[in-house]
Amino acid sequence: MKLPRAVRLALWLPTATDLPAARRAALGVDGDDEPHTVDGEPLAAELARIAAEPGDVVALLPTPGDVLGVPAAASGAALDAGECVLVRTGAGARVLVPEVHAFGSALEPGAHVDWHVVPAGPEAVGPAPLSLGEARAGLLEAMLTATQALAAIDVARWRDEAADLVREAASPHPPDGWDLPAELDQRRVDVLLRAARLLAIAELATSDDGAAITSWQADRRLGALLDVRAAARHAVAAATAQRLGRV
């Protein structure tokens, strides 16, 4: 279960309070990828510039019909990527969208990532993310829906990864490879973990209908799982929404 690149960037960006800190933040954003760039330039310098401006940052995982407040200027690119980072400051808003070029093999995968900055203008306000409390409440309800859907199609019985995800949904420990900032609030970590696992569970549940069911049942189940995914994506935004600007 990998952390979306936009989530890594939004979480590490507030820590880039000077150039040395920005270099450490860039390593956290890179993860297993080759060093990221921003419109061809090194990521660390751009992180330091953005983090110095008073404002806020949030990671968004838009889907068709639910762009989660992505400004219109960047909605097409963000939908294609499935993720983006929205930064709002006194000078206006900008959206960072990753362009990923994969290479290597299934055994030794790699990726070059170049972030494109899309100016969104001062009018790009968008809806405020949920509070962490609201997001957590929504996730608890969504988890019940997801586990019911899994039970109905017997996914957890024959697919080990589904059963593991359900058991681990309340675990406070991030998966290996997430490399979160050490100073990140544990409440954010908790919401992010639950949201990421819910997204993975919903993906498994929608990949197979299980036993023979009617088309009406399948449509109803799919609708419920889409609601689960929406709750998880909104929770990701809540977990990554942070203030910027050096004190």
C-alpha atoms as a PDB file:
ATOM      1  CA  MET A   1       0.000   0.000   0.000  1.00  0.00           C
ATOM      2  CA  LYS A   2       1.899   3.016  -1.305  1.00  0.00           C
ATOM      3  CA  LEU A   3       1.281   6.595  -0.265  1.00  0.00           C
ATOM      4  CA  PRO A   4       0.212   8.844  -3.173  1.00  0.00           C
ATOM      5  CA  ARG A   5       2.973  11.212  -4.226  1.00  0.00           C
ATOM      6  CA  ALA A   6       0.727  14.244  -3.696  1.00  0.00           C
ATOM      7  CA  VAL A   7       0.164  13.173  -0.102  1.00  0.00           C
ATOM      8  CA  ARG A   8       3.904  12.850   0.514  1.00  0.00           C
ATOM      9  CA  LEU A   9       4.524  16.303  -0.935  1.00  0.00           C
ATOM     10  CA  ALA A  10       1.746  17.965   1.085  1.00  0.00           C
ATOM     11  CA  LEU A  11       2.958  16.359   4.315  1.00  0.00           C
ATOM     12  CA  TRP A  12       6.628  17.233   3.826  1.00  0.00           C
ATOM     13  CA  LEU A  13       6.171  20.743   2.401  1.00  0.00           C
ATOM     14  CA  PRO A  14       5.579  22.536   5.754  1.00  0.00           C
ATOM     15  CA  THR A  15       8.856  21.105   7.096  1.00  0.00           C
ATOM     16  CA  ALA A  16      10.923  22.826   4.365  1.00  0.00           C
ATOM     17  CA  THR A  17      11.653  25.872   6.522  1.00  0.00           C
ATOM     18  CA  ASP A  18      15.099  26.478   5.003  1.00  0.00           C
ATOM     19  CA  LEU A  19      17.185  24.974   2.222  1.00  0.00           C
ATOM     20  CA  PRO A  20      18.782  22.175   4.319  1.00  0.00           C
ATOM     21  CA  ALA A  21      15.347  21.228   5.660  1.00  0.00           C
ATOM     22  CA  ALA A  22      13.958  21.424   2.130  1.00  0.00           C
ATOM     23  CA  ARG A  23      16.590  18.955   0.939  1.00  0.00           C
ATOM     24  CA  ARG A  24      15.510  16.531   3.673  1.00  0.00           C
ATOM     25  CA  ALA A  25      11.880  17.108   2.735  1.00  0.00           C
ATOM     26  CA  ALA A  26      12.647  16.408  -0.922  1.00  0.00           C
ATOM     27  CA  LEU A  27      14.106  13.027   0.037  1.00  0.00           C
ATOM     28  CA  GLY A  28      10.885  12.246   1.889  1.00  0.00           C
ATOM     29  CA  VAL A  29       8.837  13.207  -1.157  1.00  0.00           C
ATOM     30  CA  ASP A  30      11.040  11.180  -3.511  1.00  0.00           C
ATOM     31  CA  GLY A  31      10.453   7.895  -1.706  1.00  0.00           C
ATOM     32  CA  ASP A  32      11.600   5.095  -4.024  1.00  0.00           C
ATOM     33  CA  ASP A  33      11.502   7.337  -7.107  1.00  0.00           C
ATOM     34  CA  GLU A  34      14.374   9.065  -8.827  1.00  0.00           C
ATOM     35  CA  PRO A  35      14.850  12.635  -7.472  1.00  0.00           C
ATOM     36  CA  HIS A  36      11.734  14.645  -8.278  1.00  0.00           C
ATOM     37  CA  THR A  37      11.789  17.906 -10.229  1.00  0.00           C
ATOM     38  CA  VAL A  38       9.400  20.849 -10.564  1.00  0.00           C
ATOM     39  CA  ASP A  39       9.084  21.916 -14.192  1.00  0.00           C
ATOM     40  CA  GLY A  40      12.587  20.552 -14.701  1.00  0.00           C
ATOM     41  CA  GLU A  41      14.139  22.258 -11.660  1.00  0.00           C
ATOM     42  CA  PRO A  42      15.279  20.549  -8.419  1.00  0.00           C
ATOM     43  CA  LEU A  43      12.422  19.898  -6.009  1.00  0.00           C
ATOM     44  CA  ALA A  44      14.171  21.137  -2.845  1.00  0.00           C
ATOM     45  CA  ALA A  45      14.525  24.744  -4.008  1.00  0.00           C
ATOM     46  CA  GLU A  46      10.841  24.939  -4.958  1.00  0.00           C
ATOM     47  CA  LEU A  47       9.792  23.441  -1.621  1.00  0.00           C
ATOM     48  CA  ALA A  48      11.795  26.082   0.253  1.00  0.00           C
ATOM     49  CA  ARG A  49      10.257  28.896  -1.804  1.00  0.00           C
ATOM     50  CA  ILE A  50       6.691  27.692  -1.314  1.00  0.00           C
ATOM     51  CA  ALA A  51       7.053  26.873   2.385  1.00  0.00           C
ATOM     52  CA  ALA A  52       8.292  30.401   3.132  1.00  0.00           C
ATOM     53  CA  GLU A  53       4.989  31.946   1.993  1.00  0.00           C
ATOM     54  CA  PRO A  54       2.156  32.250   4.542  1.00  0.00           C
ATOM     55  CA  GLY A  55      -0.716  30.122   3.329  1.00  0.00           C
ATOM     56  CA  ASP A  56      -1.917  26.543   3.330  1.00  0.00           C
ATOM     57  CA  VAL A  57      -1.408  23.264   1.493  1.00  0.00           C
ATOM     58  CA  VAL A  58      -3.605  20.227   0.892  1.00  0.00           C
ATOM     59  CA  ALA A  59      -3.335  17.025  -1.152  1.00  0.00           C
ATOM     60  CA  LEU A  60      -6.358  16.207  -3.311  1.00  0.00           C
ATOM     61  CA  LEU A  61      -7.276  12.917  -5.004  1.00  0.00           C
ATOM     62  CA  PRO A  62      -9.922  13.971  -7.555  1.00  0.00           C
ATOM     63  CA  THR A  63     -12.145  11.655  -9.559  1.00  0.00           C
ATOM     64  CA  PRO A  64     -14.678  12.409 -12.319  1.00  0.00           C
ATOM     65  CA  GLY A  65     -17.704  13.990 -10.686  1.00  0.00           C
ATOM     66  CA  ASP A  66     -15.843  14.814  -7.467  1.00  0.00           C
ATOM     67  CA  VAL A  67     -12.829  17.035  -8.065  1.00  0.00           C
ATOM     68  CA  LEU A  68     -12.575  17.933  -4.362  1.00  0.00           C
ATOM     69  CA  GLY A  69     -12.092  21.644  -4.974  1.00  0.00           C
ATOM     70  CA  VAL A  70      -9.323  21.404  -7.583  1.00  0.00           C
ATOM     71  CA  PRO A  71      -9.342  24.765  -9.424  1.00  0.00           C
ATOM     72  CA  ALA A  72     -10.702  24.623 -12.963  1.00  0.00           C
ATOM     73  CA  ALA A  73      -7.350  25.599 -14.491  1.00  0.00           C
ATOM     74  CA  ALA A  74      -5.793  22.361 -13.242  1.00  0.00           C
ATOM     75  CA  SER A  75      -8.775  20.009 -13.083  1.00  0.00           C
ATOM     76  CA  GLY A  76      -8.036  18.203 -16.356  1.00  0.00           C
ATOM     77  CA  ALA A  77      -4.404  17.481 -15.521  1.00  0.00           C
ATOM     78  CA  ALA A  78      -5.256  16.588 -11.918  1.00  0.00           C
ATOM     79  CA  LEU A  79      -7.967  14.162 -13.016  1.00  0.00           C
ATOM     80  CA  ASP A  80      -5.550  12.515 -15.449  1.00  0.00           C
ATOM     81  CA  ALA A  81      -2.968  12.122 -12.677  1.00  0.00           C
ATOM     82  CA  GLY A  82      -5.542  11.179 -10.029  1.00  0.00           C
ATOM     83  CA  GLU A  83      -3.799  13.448  -7.544  1.00  0.00           C
ATOM     84  CA  CYS A  84      -2.441  16.955  -7.024  1.00  0.00           C
ATOM     85  CA  VAL A  85      -1.323  19.414  -4.366  1.00  0.00           C
ATOM     86  CA  LEU A  86      -3.164  22.709  -3.899  1.00  0.00           C
ATOM     87  CA  VAL A  87      -1.175  25.590  -2.390  1.00  0.00           C
ATOM     88  CA  ARG A  88      -2.951  28.840  -1.479  1.00  0.00           C
ATOM     89  CA  THR A  89      -1.116  31.999  -0.429  1.00  0.00           C
ATOM     90  CA  GLY A  90      -1.798  35.711  -0.407  1.00  0.00           C
ATOM     91  CA  ALA A  91      -0.542  35.900  -3.994  1.00  0.00           C
ATOM     92  CA  GLY A  92      -3.118  33.379  -5.183  1.00  0.00           C
ATOM     93  CA  ALA A  93      -3.296  29.654  -5.665  1.00  0.00           C
ATOM     94  CA  ARG A  94      -1.179  27.172  -7.561  1.00  0.00           C
ATOM     95  CA  VAL A  95      -1.637  23.482  -8.196  1.00  0.00           C
ATOM     96  CA  LEU A  96       1.240  21.001  -8.428  1.00  0.00           C
ATOM     97  CA  VAL A  97       0.427  18.014 -10.627  1.00  0.00           C
ATOM     98  CA  PRO A  98       2.827  15.054 -10.958  1.00  0.00           C
ATOM     99  CA  GLU A  99       3.814  13.706 -14.358  1.00  0.00           C
ATOM    100  CA  VAL A 100       5.147  10.200 -13.803  1.00  0.00           C
ATOM    101  CA  HIS A 101       7.357   8.294 -16.237  1.00  0.00           C
ATOM    102  CA  ALA A 102       7.740   4.697 -15.105  1.00  0.00           C
ATOM    103  CA  PHE A 103      10.712   2.563 -16.111  1.00  0.00           C
ATOM    104  CA  GLY A 104      12.304  -0.742 -15.198  1.00  0.00           C
ATOM    105  CA  SER A 105      10.519  -4.041 -14.615  1.00  0.00           C
ATOM    106  CA  ALA A 106       7.928  -5.481 -12.260  1.00  0.00           C
ATOM    107  CA  LEU A 107      10.778  -6.757 -10.091  1.00  0.00           C
ATOM    108  CA  GLU A 108      12.799  -3.527 -10.204  1.00  0.00           C
ATOM    109  CA  PRO A 109      10.395  -0.663 -10.959  1.00  0.00           C
ATOM    110  CA  GLY A 110      11.415   2.972 -11.030  1.00  0.00           C
ATOM    111  CA  ALA A 111       9.898   6.335 -11.836  1.00  0.00           C
ATOM    112  CA  HIS A 112      10.928   9.803 -12.923  1.00  0.00           C
ATOM    113  CA  VAL A 113       8.508  12.418 -11.543  1.00  0.00           C
ATOM    114  CA  ASP A 114       8.251  16.010 -12.742  1.00  0.00           C
ATOM    115  CA  TRP A 115       5.739  18.247 -10.971  1.00  0.00           C
ATOM    116  CA  HIS A 116       4.019  20.860 -13.122  1.00  0.00           C
ATOM    117  CA  VAL A 117       2.909  24.099 -11.465  1.00  0.00           C
ATOM    118  CA  VAL A 118      -0.456  25.382 -12.708  1.00  0.00           C
ATOM    119  CA  PRO A 119      -1.338  28.948 -11.593  1.00  0.00           C
ATOM    120  CA  ALA A 120      -4.945  29.031 -10.405  1.00  0.00           C
ATOM    121  CA  GLY A 121      -5.398  32.724  -9.593  1.00  0.00           C
ATOM    122  CA  PRO A 122      -6.660  34.521  -6.492  1.00  0.00           C
ATOM    123  CA  GLU A 123     -10.246  33.340  -7.031  1.00  0.00           C
ATOM    124  CA  ALA A 124      -9.394  29.663  -6.450  1.00  0.00           C
ATOM    125  CA  VAL A 125     -10.777  29.333  -2.939  1.00  0.00           C
ATOM    126  CA  GLY A 126     -12.584  25.985  -3.015  1.00  0.00           C
ATOM    127  CA  PRO A 127     -14.337  24.218  -0.148  1.00  0.00           C
ATOM    128  CA  ALA A 128     -12.538  23.867   3.162  1.00  0.00           C
ATOM    129  CA  PRO A 129     -11.354  20.332   3.958  1.00  0.00           C
ATOM    130  CA  LEU A 130     -13.148  18.399   6.673  1.00  0.00           C
ATOM    131  CA  SER A 131     -11.826  18.673  10.198  1.00  0.00           C
ATOM    132  CA  LEU A 132      -9.886  15.664  11.461  1.00  0.00           C
ATOM    133  CA  GLY A 133     -12.815  14.777  13.733  1.00  0.00           C
ATOM    134  CA  GLU A 134     -15.306  14.919  10.870  1.00  0.00           C
ATOM    135  CA  ALA A 135     -13.013  12.865   8.672  1.00  0.00           C
ATOM    136  CA  ARG A 136     -12.532  10.199  11.333  1.00  0.00           C
ATOM    137  CA  ALA A 137     -16.285   9.901  11.912  1.00  0.00           C
ATOM    138  CA  GLY A 138     -16.859   9.511   8.182  1.00  0.00           C
ATOM    139  CA  LEU A 139     -14.169   6.839   7.988  1.00  0.00           C
ATOM    140  CA  LEU A 140     -15.733   4.785  10.777  1.00  0.00           C
ATOM    141  CA  GLU A 141     -19.039   4.706   8.912  1.00  0.00           C
ATOM    142  CA  ALA A 142     -17.298   3.969   5.618  1.00  0.00           C
ATOM    143  CA  MET A 143     -15.343   1.086   7.161  1.00  0.00           C
ATOM    144  CA  LEU A 144     -18.606  -0.586   8.200  1.00  0.00           C
ATOM    145  CA  THR A 145     -19.920  -0.255   4.648  1.00  0.00           C
ATOM    146  CA  ALA A 146     -16.691  -1.614   3.167  1.00  0.00           C
ATOM    147  CA  THR A 147     -16.497  -4.658   5.435  1.00  0.00           C
ATOM    148  CA  GLN A 148     -20.147  -5.467   4.731  1.00  0.00           C
ATOM    149  CA  ALA A 149     -19.409  -5.334   1.001  1.00  0.00           C
ATOM    150  CA  LEU A 150     -16.395  -7.610   1.430  1.00  0.00           C
ATOM    151  CA  ALA A 151     -18.403 -10.093   3.480  1.00  0.00           C
ATOM    152  CA  ALA A 152     -21.153 -10.146   0.867  1.00  0.00           C
ATOM    153  CA  ILE A 153     -18.774 -11.179  -1.902  1.00  0.00           C
ATOM    154  CA  ASP A 154     -16.522 -13.360   0.277  1.00  0.00           C
ATOM    155  CA  VAL A 155     -13.430 -11.406  -0.782  1.00  0.00           C
ATOM    156  CA  ALA A 156     -11.876 -11.581   2.669  1.00  0.00           C
ATOM    157  CA  ARG A 157     -12.319 -15.354   2.738  1.00  0.00           C
ATOM    158  CA  TRP A 158     -10.269 -16.096  -0.368  1.00  0.00           C
ATOM    159  CA  ARG A 159      -8.057 -13.042  -0.803  1.00  0.00           C
ATOM    160  CA  ASP A 160      -5.460 -12.727   1.931  1.00  0.00           C
ATOM    161  CA  GLU A 161      -4.660  -9.080   1.279  1.00  0.00           C
ATOM    162  CA  ALA A 162      -8.298  -8.098   1.875  1.00  0.00           C
ATOM    163  CA  ALA A 163      -8.408  -9.883   5.220  1.00  0.00           C
ATOM    164  CA  ASP A 164      -5.094  -8.290   6.217  1.00  0.00           C
ATOM    165  CA  LEU A 165      -6.340  -4.813   5.328  1.00  0.00           C
ATOM    166  CA  VAL A 166      -9.504  -5.250   7.374  1.00  0.00           C
ATOM    167  CA  ARG A 167      -7.518  -6.485  10.396  1.00  0.00           C
ATOM    168  CA  GLU A 168      -4.968  -3.681  10.087  1.00  0.00           C
ATOM    169  CA  ALA A 169      -7.491  -0.885   9.518  1.00  0.00           C
ATOM    170  CA  ALA A 170      -7.214   0.369  13.101  1.00  0.00           C
ATOM    171  CA  SER A 171      -3.443  -0.161  13.454  1.00  0.00           C
ATOM    172  CA  PRO A 172      -1.541   2.980  14.514  1.00  0.00           C
ATOM    173  CA  HIS A 173       1.597   1.902  12.643  1.00  0.00           C
ATOM    174  CA  PRO A 174       2.276   3.197   9.102  1.00  0.00           C
ATOM    175  CA  PRO A 175       3.313   0.614   6.492  1.00  0.00           C
ATOM    176  CA  ASP A 176       6.979   0.247   5.628  1.00  0.00           C
ATOM    177  CA  GLY A 177       8.146   2.825   3.117  1.00  0.00           C
ATOM    178  CA  TRP A 178       5.775   5.632   4.008  1.00  0.00           C
ATOM    179  CA  ASP A 179       8.556   7.744   5.615  1.00  0.00           C
ATOM    180  CA  LEU A 180       6.298  10.357   7.239  1.00  0.00           C
ATOM    181  CA  PRO A 181       7.726  13.538   8.824  1.00  0.00           C
ATOM    182  CA  ALA A 182       8.678  12.819  12.438  1.00  0.00           C
ATOM    183  CA  GLU A 183       6.814  15.896  13.694  1.00  0.00           C
ATOM    184  CA  LEU A 184       3.521  14.960  12.032  1.00  0.00           C
ATOM    185  CA  ASP A 185       0.571  15.029  14.458  1.00  0.00           C
ATOM    186  CA  GLN A 186      -0.482  11.477  15.382  1.00  0.00           C
ATOM    187  CA  ARG A 187      -4.125  12.401  14.736  1.00  0.00           C
ATOM    188  CA  ARG A 188      -3.240  13.130  11.123  1.00  0.00           C
ATOM    189  CA  VAL A 189      -1.335   9.864  10.872  1.00  0.00           C
ATOM    190  CA  ASP A 190      -4.337   7.951  12.235  1.00  0.00           C
ATOM    191  CA  VAL A 191      -6.783   9.504   9.756  1.00  0.00           C
ATOM    192  CA  LEU A 192      -4.360   9.028   6.875  1.00  0.00           C
ATOM    193  CA  LEU A 193      -3.782   5.361   7.717  1.00  0.00           C
ATOM    194  CA  ARG A 194      -7.500   4.626   7.934  1.00  0.00           C
ATOM    195  CA  ALA A 195      -8.200   6.474   4.687  1.00  0.00           C
ATOM    196  CA  ALA A 196      -5.411   4.745   2.754  1.00  0.00           C
ATOM    197  CA  ARG A 197      -6.506   1.307   3.943  1.00  0.00           C
ATOM    198  CA  LEU A 198     -10.129   2.058   3.093  1.00  0.00           C
ATOM    199  CA  LEU A 199      -9.128   3.050  -0.426  1.00  0.00           C
ATOM    200  CA  ALA A 200      -7.245  -0.232  -0.789  1.00  0.00           C
ATOM    201  CA  ILE A 201     -10.183  -2.239   0.596  1.00  0.00           C
ATOM    202  CA  ALA A 202     -12.642  -0.518  -1.743  1.00  0.00           C
ATOM    203  CA  GLU A 203     -10.339  -1.201  -4.687  1.00  0.00           C
ATOM    204  CA  LEU A 204     -10.291  -4.906  -3.855  1.00  0.00           C
ATOM    205  CA  ALA A 205     -14.038  -5.039  -3.314  1.00  0.00           C
ATOM    206  CA  THR A 206     -14.819  -3.397  -6.654  1.00  0.00           C
ATOM    207  CA  SER A 207     -12.405  -5.620  -8.584  1.00  0.00           C
ATOM    208  CA  ASP A 208     -14.600  -8.727  -8.268  1.00  0.00           C
ATOM    209  CA  ASP A 209     -18.327  -9.280  -7.769  1.00  0.00           C
ATOM    210  CA  GLY A 210     -17.769 -12.584  -6.002  1.00  0.00           C
ATOM    211  CA  ALA A 211     -20.704 -14.968  -6.033  1.00  0.00           C
ATOM    212  CA  ALA A 212     -23.433 -14.600  -8.633  1.00  0.00           C
ATOM    213  CA  ILE A 213     -25.646 -11.603  -7.848  1.00  0.00           C
ATOM    214  CA  THR A 214     -28.254  -9.614  -9.712  1.00  0.00           C
ATOM    215  CA  SER A 215     -27.329  -6.489 -11.643  1.00  0.00           C
ATOM    216  CA  TRP A 216     -29.383  -4.457  -9.158  1.00  0.00           C
ATOM    217  CA  GLN A 217     -27.347  -5.850  -6.258  1.00  0.00           C
ATOM    218  CA  ALA A 218     -24.104  -5.202  -8.112  1.00  0.00           C
ATOM    219  CA  ASP A 219     -25.080  -1.595  -8.864  1.00  0.00           C
ATOM    220  CA  ARG A 220     -26.130  -1.000  -5.272  1.00  0.00           C
ATOM    221  CA  ARG A 221     -22.883  -2.439  -3.954  1.00  0.00           C
ATOM    222  CA  LEU A 222     -20.834  -0.381  -6.400  1.00  0.00           C
ATOM    223  CA  GLY A 223     -22.647   2.771  -5.298  1.00  0.00           C
ATOM    224  CA  ALA A 224     -21.876   2.010  -1.666  1.00  0.00           C
ATOM    225  CA  LEU A 225     -18.211   1.407  -2.440  1.00  0.00           C
ATOM    226  CA  LEU A 226     -17.984   4.642  -4.405  1.00  0.00           C
ATOM    227  CA  ASP A 227     -19.274   6.401  -1.287  1.00  0.00           C
ATOM    228  CA  VAL A 228     -16.564   4.619   0.711  1.00  0.00           C
ATOM    229  CA  ARG A 229     -13.881   5.822  -1.683  1.00  0.00           C
ATOM    230  CA  ALA A 230     -15.251   9.376  -1.537  1.00  0.00           C
ATOM    231  CA  ALA A 231     -15.139   9.363   2.275  1.00  0.00           C
ATOM    232  CA  ALA A 232     -11.557   8.109   2.180  1.00  0.00           C
ATOM    233  CA  ARG A 233     -10.438  10.715  -0.369  1.00  0.00           C
ATOM    234  CA  HIS A 234     -12.021  13.527   1.662  1.00  0.00           C
ATOM    235  CA  ALA A 235     -10.264  12.172   4.752  1.00  0.00           C
ATOM    236  CA  VAL A 236      -6.921  12.260   2.923  1.00  0.00           C
ATOM    237  CA  ALA A 237      -7.501  15.953   2.249  1.00  0.00           C
ATOM    238  CA  ALA A 238      -8.294  16.536   5.926  1.00  0.00           C
ATOM    239  CA  ALA A 239      -5.144  14.708   7.034  1.00  0.00           C
ATOM    240  CA  THR A 240      -2.864  16.676   4.703  1.00  0.00           C
ATOM    241  CA  ALA A 241      -4.348  20.182   5.120  1.00  0.00           C
ATOM    242  CA  GLN A 242      -1.672  22.257   6.880  1.00  0.00           C
ATOM    243  CA  ARG A 243      -0.519  25.830   7.318  1.00  0.00           C
ATOM    244  CA  LEU A 244       2.584  27.211   5.615  1.00  0.00           C
ATOM    245  CA  GLY A 245       4.918  30.074   6.465  1.00  0.00           C
ATOM    246  CA  ARG A 246       7.918  30.425   8.724  1.00  0.00           C
ATOM    247  CA  VAL A 247       7.302  31.687  12.230  1.00  0.00           C
END
